[in-house]
Protein backbone atom coordinates (compact mmCIF):
# COMPACT_ATOMS: atom_id res chain seq x y z
CA MET A 1 -7.95 7.72 13.25
CA SER A 2 -9.57 10.82 11.78
CA ALA A 3 -12.83 10.72 9.85
CA GLN A 4 -10.99 11.72 6.71
CA THR A 5 -7.88 9.68 5.95
CA PRO A 6 -5.50 11.00 3.28
CA ASP A 7 -4.94 8.82 0.25
CA ILE A 8 -1.61 7.39 -0.77
CA THR A 9 -0.69 6.11 -4.22
CA ILE A 10 0.60 2.61 -4.85
CA GLU A 11 1.44 0.84 -8.09
CA LEU A 12 -1.01 -2.04 -8.47
CA ASN A 13 -0.20 -4.50 -11.26
CA GLY A 14 1.59 -1.75 -13.16
CA SER A 15 -1.04 1.00 -12.74
CA SER A 16 -1.35 3.86 -10.29
CA HIS A 17 -3.96 3.13 -7.59
CA ALA A 18 -5.07 5.33 -4.66
CA VAL A 19 -5.80 3.76 -1.27
CA ALA A 20 -6.43 5.25 2.15
CA SER A 21 -3.40 5.71 4.35
CA GLY A 22 -3.14 2.74 6.73
CA THR A 23 -4.65 0.23 4.29
CA SER A 24 -3.51 -3.36 4.81
CA LEU A 25 -3.09 -5.97 2.08
CA ALA A 26 -6.20 -7.73 3.41
CA GLU A 27 -8.19 -4.49 3.13
CA LEU A 28 -6.87 -3.93 -0.39
CA LEU A 29 -8.11 -7.39 -1.39
CA ASP A 30 -11.51 -6.61 0.17
CA SER A 31 -11.74 -3.33 -1.76
CA LEU A 32 -10.91 -5.16 -5.00
CA GLU A 33 -13.55 -7.82 -4.21
CA MET A 34 -10.81 -10.45 -4.23
CA ALA A 35 -11.01 -11.53 -0.57
CA GLY A 36 -11.16 -15.31 -0.32
CA GLN A 37 -9.81 -15.85 -3.83
CA ARG A 38 -6.65 -17.82 -4.41
CA VAL A 39 -4.02 -15.18 -5.07
CA ALA A 40 -0.33 -14.58 -4.62
CA ILE A 41 0.80 -11.09 -3.64
CA GLU A 42 4.18 -9.48 -4.06
CA VAL A 43 5.01 -6.14 -2.45
CA ASN A 44 8.18 -4.46 -3.69
CA GLU A 45 9.33 -7.77 -5.23
CA THR A 46 8.82 -9.75 -1.99
CA VAL A 47 6.20 -12.52 -1.90
CA ILE A 48 3.95 -12.03 1.14
CA PRO A 49 2.50 -15.09 2.94
CA ARG A 50 -1.31 -15.04 3.20
CA SER A 51 -1.06 -15.09 7.01
CA GLU A 52 0.65 -11.67 6.88
CA TYR A 53 -1.92 -9.87 4.67
CA PRO A 54 -3.72 -8.24 7.65
CA SER A 55 -0.46 -6.96 9.17
CA ILE A 56 1.20 -5.56 6.03
CA ILE A 57 0.32 -1.86 5.82
CA LEU A 58 0.82 -0.27 2.43
CA SER A 59 3.03 2.80 2.03
CA HIS A 60 3.08 5.49 -0.63
CA GLY A 61 4.94 4.22 -3.68
CA ASP A 62 4.71 0.50 -2.85
CA ARG A 63 4.68 -1.77 -5.89
CA VAL A 64 2.00 -4.44 -5.46
CA GLU A 65 1.47 -7.35 -7.84
CA ILE A 66 -1.58 -9.56 -7.35
CA ILE A 67 -1.63 -12.81 -9.31
CA ARG A 68 -4.74 -15.00 -9.39
CA ALA A 69 -4.22 -18.74 -9.15
CA ILE A 70 -5.98 -20.55 -11.97
CA GLY A 71 -6.67 -24.24 -11.63
CA GLY A 72 -6.54 -26.66 -14.47
CA GLY A 73 -4.93 -29.79 -15.57
């Protein structure tokens, strides 16, 4: 990988968001300081299992929705 990676643009929760090319869902969560939080993630209207976050590489134009789980009762 080169020292300078070009950015791509994704739609994150309805807003435009730039990430480095080759960014995984797990890396996106890290960059948003959400790693380890209880979240559900949808990419292009498909729910992604947590076990797949490291292997899902984002592409230009992907639509990503991150929903935080909130406990209560």
